[in-house]
Protein backbone atom coordinates (compact mmCIF):
# COMPACT_ATOMS: atom_id res chain seq x y z
CA UNK A 1 -9.28 10.93 -117.84
CA UNK A 2 -8.61 14.18 -116.04
CA UNK A 3 -4.90 14.77 -115.56
CA UNK A 4 -4.50 18.54 -115.79
CA UNK A 5 -4.79 19.43 -112.13
CA UNK A 6 -4.94 22.71 -110.28
CA UNK A 7 -3.84 23.20 -106.70
CA UNK A 8 -5.93 25.46 -104.52
CA UNK A 9 -5.72 26.99 -101.09
CA UNK A 10 -8.55 28.87 -99.43
CA UNK A 11 -8.48 31.30 -96.56
CA UNK A 12 -11.20 30.45 -94.03
CA UNK A 13 -13.80 33.20 -94.23
CA UNK A 14 -17.32 33.94 -93.02
CA UNK A 15 -18.43 36.01 -96.00
CA UNK A 16 -19.47 35.12 -99.57
CA UNK A 17 -16.05 35.68 -101.11
CA UNK A 18 -12.80 33.78 -100.83
CA UNK A 19 -9.60 34.19 -102.76
CA UNK A 20 -8.20 31.03 -104.26
CA UNK A 21 -4.75 30.77 -105.72
CA UNK A 22 -4.45 28.41 -108.63
CA UNK A 23 -1.37 26.60 -109.89
CA UNK A 24 -1.19 24.47 -113.01
CA UNK A 25 0.96 21.85 -111.32
CA UNK A 26 -0.80 19.02 -109.49
CA UNK A 27 0.62 18.11 -106.10
CA UNK A 28 -0.60 15.75 -103.42
CA UNK A 29 -1.60 17.56 -100.21
CA UNK A 30 0.87 20.38 -101.00
CA UNK A 31 -0.19 23.94 -101.69
CA UNK A 32 1.76 26.53 -103.65
CA UNK A 33 0.69 30.13 -104.09
CA UNK A 34 1.09 31.72 -107.50
CA UNK A 35 -0.08 35.34 -107.67
CA UNK A 36 -0.27 35.15 -111.47
CA UNK A 37 -3.28 32.84 -111.17
CA UNK A 38 -5.10 34.71 -108.40
CA UNK A 39 -8.84 34.82 -109.06
CA UNK A 40 -11.84 36.13 -107.16
CA UNK A 41 -14.47 33.46 -106.53
CA UNK A 42 -17.86 33.81 -104.91
CA UNK A 43 -17.46 30.81 -102.65
CA UNK A 44 -17.36 29.99 -98.98
CA UNK A 45 -15.66 27.24 -97.05
CA UNK A 46 -17.56 26.42 -93.87
CA UNK A 47 -16.10 24.25 -91.10
CA UNK A 48 -18.53 22.58 -88.74
CA UNK A 49 -18.09 21.08 -85.31
CA UNK A 50 -18.81 17.48 -84.40
CA UNK A 51 -22.53 18.24 -84.14
CA UNK A 52 -22.69 19.57 -87.68
CA UNK A 53 -23.06 23.20 -86.59
CA UNK A 54 -21.11 26.22 -87.82
CA UNK A 55 -18.48 27.15 -85.26
CA UNK A 56 -20.10 30.54 -84.70
CA UNK A 57 -23.71 29.35 -84.70
CA UNK A 58 -25.79 28.00 -81.84
CA UNK A 59 -26.23 24.26 -81.43
CA UNK A 60 -29.61 22.99 -82.54
CA UNK A 61 -30.77 19.54 -81.44
CA UNK A 62 -33.97 19.33 -83.47
CA UNK A 63 -34.47 17.42 -86.72
CA UNK A 64 -32.86 18.72 -89.94
CA UNK A 65 -36.20 19.89 -91.37
CA UNK A 66 -37.06 21.74 -88.17
CA UNK A 67 -33.63 23.37 -88.21
CA UNK A 68 -34.23 24.74 -91.69
CA UNK A 69 -37.60 26.20 -90.72
CA UNK A 70 -36.31 27.72 -87.49
CA UNK A 71 -33.40 29.58 -89.05
CA UNK A 72 -33.65 33.19 -90.28
CA UNK A 73 -34.21 33.41 -94.00
CA UNK A 74 -30.74 34.72 -94.75
CA UNK A 75 -28.00 32.93 -96.61
CA UNK A 76 -24.29 33.16 -97.28
CA UNK A 77 -24.72 33.08 -101.05
CA UNK A 78 -27.61 34.26 -103.19
CA UNK A 79 -26.62 33.21 -106.73
CA UNK A 80 -29.14 31.03 -108.52
CA UNK A 81 -26.44 28.51 -109.45
CA UNK A 82 -24.78 28.13 -106.03
CA UNK A 83 -23.48 24.61 -105.42
CA UNK A 84 -23.65 23.13 -101.92
CA UNK A 85 -20.95 20.57 -101.17
CA UNK A 86 -21.15 18.09 -98.31
CA UNK A 87 -17.52 17.38 -97.45
CA UNK A 88 -16.21 13.87 -97.97
CA UNK A 89 -14.82 11.38 -95.49
CA UNK A 90 -11.51 13.22 -95.67
CA UNK A 91 -10.66 16.82 -96.35
CA UNK A 92 -8.39 15.47 -99.08
CA UNK A 93 -11.30 14.02 -101.07
CA UNK A 94 -13.21 17.29 -100.71
CA UNK A 95 -10.27 19.31 -102.01
CA UNK A 96 -9.86 16.94 -104.95
CA UNK A 97 -13.46 17.60 -105.94
CA UNK A 98 -13.07 21.36 -105.50
CA UNK A 99 -10.00 21.21 -107.72
CA UNK A 100 -11.99 19.49 -110.43
CA UNK A 101 -15.02 21.75 -109.99
CA UNK A 102 -12.86 24.84 -110.46
CA UNK A 103 -11.04 23.33 -113.44
CA UNK A 104 -14.14 22.14 -115.31
CA UNK A 105 -16.04 25.39 -114.70
CA UNK A 106 -13.25 27.86 -115.51
CA UNK A 107 -11.06 26.06 -118.04
CA UNK A 108 -12.42 28.19 -120.92
CA UNK A 109 -11.78 31.45 -119.13
CA UNK A 110 -15.19 31.54 -117.48
CA UNK A 111 -15.84 32.36 -113.85
CA UNK A 112 -15.82 29.51 -111.36
CA UNK A 113 -19.29 28.48 -110.22
CA UNK A 114 -20.22 29.78 -106.74
CA UNK A 115 -20.10 27.13 -104.04
CA UNK A 116 -20.32 26.65 -100.30
CA UNK A 117 -18.65 23.71 -98.55
CA UNK A 118 -19.63 22.11 -95.25
CA UNK A 119 -16.75 20.07 -93.82
CA UNK A 120 -17.34 17.89 -90.78
CA UNK A 121 -14.26 16.84 -88.75
CA UNK A 122 -16.36 14.24 -86.91
CA UNK A 123 -16.56 12.23 -90.14
CA UNK A 124 -13.04 13.10 -91.23
CA UNK A 125 -10.95 9.96 -91.39
CA UNK A 126 -7.87 11.71 -92.74
CA UNK A 127 -4.57 10.69 -91.30
CA UNK A 128 -2.09 7.96 -91.99
CA UNK A 129 -4.62 5.27 -92.82
CA UNK A 130 -6.68 4.96 -95.97
CA UNK A 131 -9.36 3.20 -93.89
CA UNK A 132 -11.22 6.18 -92.49
CA UNK A 133 -13.33 6.22 -89.36
CA UNK A 134 -16.50 6.40 -91.48
CA UNK A 135 -15.59 3.42 -93.63
CA UNK A 136 -14.78 1.39 -90.52
CA UNK A 137 -18.16 2.27 -89.07
CA UNK A 138 -19.83 1.38 -92.35
CA UNK A 139 -18.13 -2.00 -92.53
CA UNK A 140 -18.05 -3.06 -88.87
CA UNK A 141 -20.78 -1.21 -86.94
CA UNK A 142 -23.96 -1.07 -88.97
CA UNK A 143 -25.86 0.19 -85.92
CA UNK A 144 -24.13 3.55 -86.35
CA UNK A 145 -25.74 4.06 -89.75
CA UNK A 146 -28.54 6.18 -88.28
CA UNK A 147 -25.99 8.48 -86.63
CA UNK A 148 -24.06 8.89 -89.89
CA UNK A 149 -27.17 9.60 -91.96
CA UNK A 150 -28.52 12.09 -89.43
CA UNK A 151 -25.20 13.95 -89.33
CA UNK A 152 -24.99 14.15 -93.12
CA UNK A 153 -28.61 15.31 -93.28
CA UNK A 154 -27.71 18.14 -90.94
CA UNK A 155 -24.94 19.20 -93.30
CA UNK A 156 -27.37 19.09 -96.23
CA UNK A 157 -29.86 21.30 -94.40
CA UNK A 158 -27.10 23.71 -93.42
CA UNK A 159 -26.14 24.07 -97.07
CA UNK A 160 -29.76 24.63 -98.08
CA UNK A 161 -29.98 27.36 -95.46
CA UNK A 162 -26.70 28.85 -96.72
CA UNK A 163 -28.12 29.50 -100.18
CA UNK A 164 -27.20 26.33 -102.08
CA UNK A 165 -29.43 25.61 -105.09
CA UNK A 166 -28.10 22.09 -105.66
CA UNK A 167 -26.29 19.59 -103.46
CA UNK A 168 -23.37 17.27 -104.20
CA UNK A 169 -21.56 14.82 -101.98
CA UNK A 170 -18.06 14.07 -103.35
CA UNK A 171 -17.49 10.95 -101.28
CA UNK A 172 -17.65 7.34 -102.47
CA UNK A 173 -18.68 6.06 -99.04
CA UNK A 174 -21.25 8.72 -98.10
CA UNK A 175 -23.11 8.15 -101.38
CA UNK A 176 -24.00 4.68 -100.12
CA UNK A 177 -26.68 6.51 -98.05
CA UNK A 178 -27.65 9.00 -100.75
CA UNK A 179 -31.35 8.04 -100.71
CA UNK A 180 -31.61 8.54 -96.95
CA UNK A 181 -29.61 11.78 -96.90
CA UNK A 182 -31.57 13.29 -99.81
CA UNK A 183 -34.96 12.42 -98.28
CA UNK A 184 -37.25 15.50 -98.24
CA UNK A 185 -34.64 17.54 -100.14
CA UNK A 186 -36.33 19.75 -102.76
CA UNK A 187 -33.08 20.72 -104.50
CA UNK A 188 -31.26 18.78 -107.20
CA UNK A 189 -29.02 16.33 -105.29
CA UNK A 190 -26.63 14.62 -107.68
CA UNK A 191 -25.72 10.98 -107.05
CA UNK A 192 -22.12 10.22 -107.99
CA UNK A 193 -23.04 6.74 -109.29
CA UNK A 194 -25.79 8.13 -111.53
CA UNK A 195 -23.39 10.72 -112.96
CA UNK A 196 -20.89 7.99 -113.84
CA UNK A 197 -23.51 5.64 -115.30
CA UNK A 198 -25.04 8.43 -117.40
CA UNK A 199 -21.70 9.45 -118.91
CA UNK A 200 -20.79 5.86 -119.72
CA UNK A 201 -24.20 5.32 -121.32
CA UNK A 202 -23.75 8.44 -123.44
CA UNK A 203 -20.33 7.17 -124.54
CA UNK A 204 -22.10 4.32 -126.43
CA UNK A 205 -19.46 1.73 -125.54
CA UNK A 206 -19.38 -1.57 -127.42
CA UNK A 207 -18.96 -4.94 -125.64
CA UNK A 208 -15.48 -6.41 -125.91
CA UNK A 209 -16.96 -9.92 -125.88
CA UNK A 210 -19.57 -10.71 -128.53
CA UNK A 211 -23.00 -11.45 -127.13
CA UNK A 212 -22.38 -9.87 -123.74
CA UNK A 213 -23.25 -6.54 -122.16
CA UNK A 214 -20.67 -3.80 -121.76
CA UNK A 215 -18.64 -4.61 -118.67
CA UNK A 216 -17.52 -1.96 -116.18
CA UNK A 217 -14.98 -2.77 -113.47
CA UNK A 218 -15.00 -1.12 -110.05
CA UNK A 219 -12.01 -0.92 -107.70
CA UNK A 220 -12.48 0.48 -104.18
CA UNK A 221 -10.73 0.52 -100.83
CA UNK A 222 -13.78 -0.97 -99.08
CA UNK A 223 -17.01 -2.71 -100.03
CA UNK A 224 -19.19 0.23 -99.00
CA UNK A 225 -17.54 2.43 -101.63
CA UNK A 226 -18.78 0.03 -104.35
CA UNK A 227 -22.45 0.45 -103.38
CA UNK A 228 -23.06 3.83 -105.11
CA UNK A 229 -21.94 2.44 -108.47
CA UNK A 230 -23.12 -1.16 -108.73
CA UNK A 231 -26.89 -0.57 -108.82
CA UNK A 232 -26.72 2.60 -110.92
CA UNK A 233 -24.53 0.92 -113.55
CA UNK A 234 -26.76 -2.14 -113.66
CA UNK A 235 -29.80 0.08 -114.12
CA UNK A 236 -28.17 1.41 -117.31
CA UNK A 237 -27.64 -2.11 -118.63
CA UNK A 238 -23.97 -2.51 -117.73
CA UNK A 239 -22.46 -5.66 -116.28
CA UNK A 240 -20.50 -4.72 -113.16
CA UNK A 241 -17.26 -6.64 -112.62
CA UNK A 242 -15.68 -6.60 -109.16
CA UNK A 243 -12.32 -8.03 -108.11
CA UNK A 244 -12.57 -11.68 -107.05
CA UNK A 245 -11.65 -12.84 -103.56
CA UNK A 246 -8.08 -13.74 -104.53
CA UNK A 247 -7.48 -10.35 -106.14
CA UNK A 248 -8.80 -8.56 -103.06
CA UNK A 249 -6.76 -10.65 -100.63
CA UNK A 250 -3.49 -10.85 -102.53
CA UNK A 251 -3.41 -7.64 -104.58
CA UNK A 252 -5.88 -4.92 -103.56
CA UNK A 253 -5.61 -5.26 -99.78
CA UNK A 254 -1.78 -5.41 -99.89
CA UNK A 255 -1.85 -2.30 -102.11
CA UNK A 256 -3.80 -0.41 -99.47
CA UNK A 257 -1.51 -1.72 -96.73
CA UNK A 258 1.52 -0.59 -98.71
CA UNK A 259 -0.02 2.84 -99.09
CA UNK A 260 -0.67 3.05 -95.35
CA UNK A 261 3.00 2.17 -94.81
CA UNK A 262 3.99 4.93 -97.27
CA UNK A 263 5.31 2.42 -99.79
CA UNK A 264 3.90 4.35 -102.74
CA UNK A 265 5.82 2.47 -105.42
CA UNK A 266 4.73 -0.90 -104.06
CA UNK A 267 1.10 0.23 -103.86
CA UNK A 268 1.33 1.63 -107.38
CA UNK A 269 2.59 -1.64 -108.84
CA UNK A 270 -0.12 -3.64 -107.08
CA UNK A 271 -2.80 -1.26 -108.32
CA UNK A 272 -1.55 -1.74 -111.87
CA UNK A 273 -1.93 -5.49 -111.44
CA UNK A 274 -5.46 -5.11 -110.02
CA UNK A 275 -6.48 -2.99 -113.02
CA UNK A 276 -4.93 -5.49 -115.45
CA UNK A 277 -6.84 -8.34 -113.81
CA UNK A 278 -10.13 -6.55 -114.52
CA UNK A 279 -9.08 -5.66 -118.06
CA UNK A 280 -8.35 -9.32 -118.75
CA UNK A 281 -11.99 -9.98 -117.83
CA UNK A 282 -13.01 -7.82 -120.82
CA UNK A 283 -14.12 -4.69 -118.99
CA UNK A 284 -14.29 -1.52 -121.07
CA UNK A 285 -13.59 0.87 -118.22
CA UNK A 286 -12.29 0.52 -114.65
CA UNK A 287 -13.85 2.92 -112.13
CA UNK A 288 -11.41 3.85 -109.37
CA UNK A 289 -13.76 4.48 -106.46
CA UNK A 290 -11.08 5.73 -104.09
CA UNK A 291 -9.26 9.06 -104.16
CA UNK A 292 -6.15 7.46 -102.65
CA UNK A 293 -5.98 4.75 -105.29
CA UNK A 294 -6.96 7.20 -108.03
CA UNK A 295 -3.95 9.41 -107.32
CA UNK A 296 -1.45 6.57 -107.18
CA UNK A 297 -0.73 6.29 -110.88
CA UNK A 298 1.25 9.06 -112.60
CA UNK A 299 -0.60 11.12 -115.18
CA UNK A 300 1.32 9.59 -118.09
CA UNK A 301 0.53 5.99 -117.13
CA UNK A 302 -1.21 4.34 -120.14
CA UNK A 303 -3.52 2.38 -117.83
CA UNK A 304 -5.28 5.62 -116.90
CA UNK A 305 -6.79 5.69 -120.39
CA UNK A 306 -8.84 2.68 -119.32
CA UNK A 307 -9.79 4.18 -115.95
CA UNK A 308 -12.45 6.65 -114.87
CA UNK A 309 -12.42 9.00 -111.89
CA UNK A 310 -16.01 9.38 -110.62
CA UNK A 311 -15.19 12.82 -109.21
CA UNK A 312 -14.72 14.09 -112.76
CA UNK A 313 -18.18 12.88 -113.75
CA UNK A 314 -19.72 14.49 -110.66
CA UNK A 315 -17.88 17.75 -111.33
CA UNK A 316 -18.94 17.82 -115.00
CA UNK A 317 -22.59 17.19 -114.09
CA UNK A 318 -22.46 19.91 -111.43
CA UNK A 319 -20.90 22.46 -113.77
CA UNK A 320 -23.44 21.66 -116.50
CA UNK A 321 -26.28 22.25 -114.03
CA UNK A 322 -24.70 25.47 -112.72
CA UNK A 323 -24.28 26.96 -116.19
CA UNK A 324 -27.84 26.05 -117.13
CA UNK A 325 -29.22 27.52 -113.89
CA UNK A 326 -27.31 30.74 -114.50
CA UNK A 327 -28.76 31.07 -118.01
CA UNK A 328 -32.31 30.45 -116.77
CA UNK A 329 -31.85 33.07 -114.06
CA UNK A 330 -30.65 35.65 -116.58
CA UNK A 331 -33.74 35.12 -118.72
CA UNK A 332 -36.12 35.67 -115.80
């Protein structure tokens, strides 16, 4: 369980370098500058408009593949291990992943991997409610799926054009359409569910109940957020355990409502109960597929030892790829 956070702030730039200030104290949505931890990183944060275009670029209405072919062959970053990041449903979830990416790549004194981020305010559900606009569309208006996928494809193509050599999408909900978004992509495009399933498989867990498969619990703020994990875990031979109807109605949903009402302590206590309910059902690990729920419990809470943050698995996989790509590039 990752509990040694870093807090970052980035100045919006249009060149390959950005200065990030790192602090060893985790905060929620708060940023503190500490000159002692100033580092130079070859990274770019890119904000897009509602059409998925860079603010300073022309609007293009053609398909994502046509966009890539029609653009000049120039890119923001040229490193062989550049990571392209499609921003999550909220800026908050994107920043959480960036925090982890920086920590896992530079914790041994090494340079942070180069990355470029494409953040789309049209899909940003940040605000007072945990239920983002994208999750509401996913749950209630399936007909908008094509619009969502097309928009996320545009972001992927933009990142490819910007010099990314691999793509990641640190969002539980967006990964529900990973297959569609990654269609025709020739770069490594890591699936958050596959990263989690692979790490759990490598951990060689033993079933808690004799004669059964290893059970993995999944807690999420909406059903769509479960999709990226269920199939990938089952493909690795795990039995996926989800909260039953009573737990969702009387514990998980009230926890989310409490969080929306800024009753953090009430939401925290309900989340503890929801985790305990899954642990009673003999699960080895509980995956918290929600950045809001993930950050509810304090770092010293013993229940976190039984929980897994998928963003950590995605960050570790990404860093492993980036270091390998850098070594290969040096040899050529």
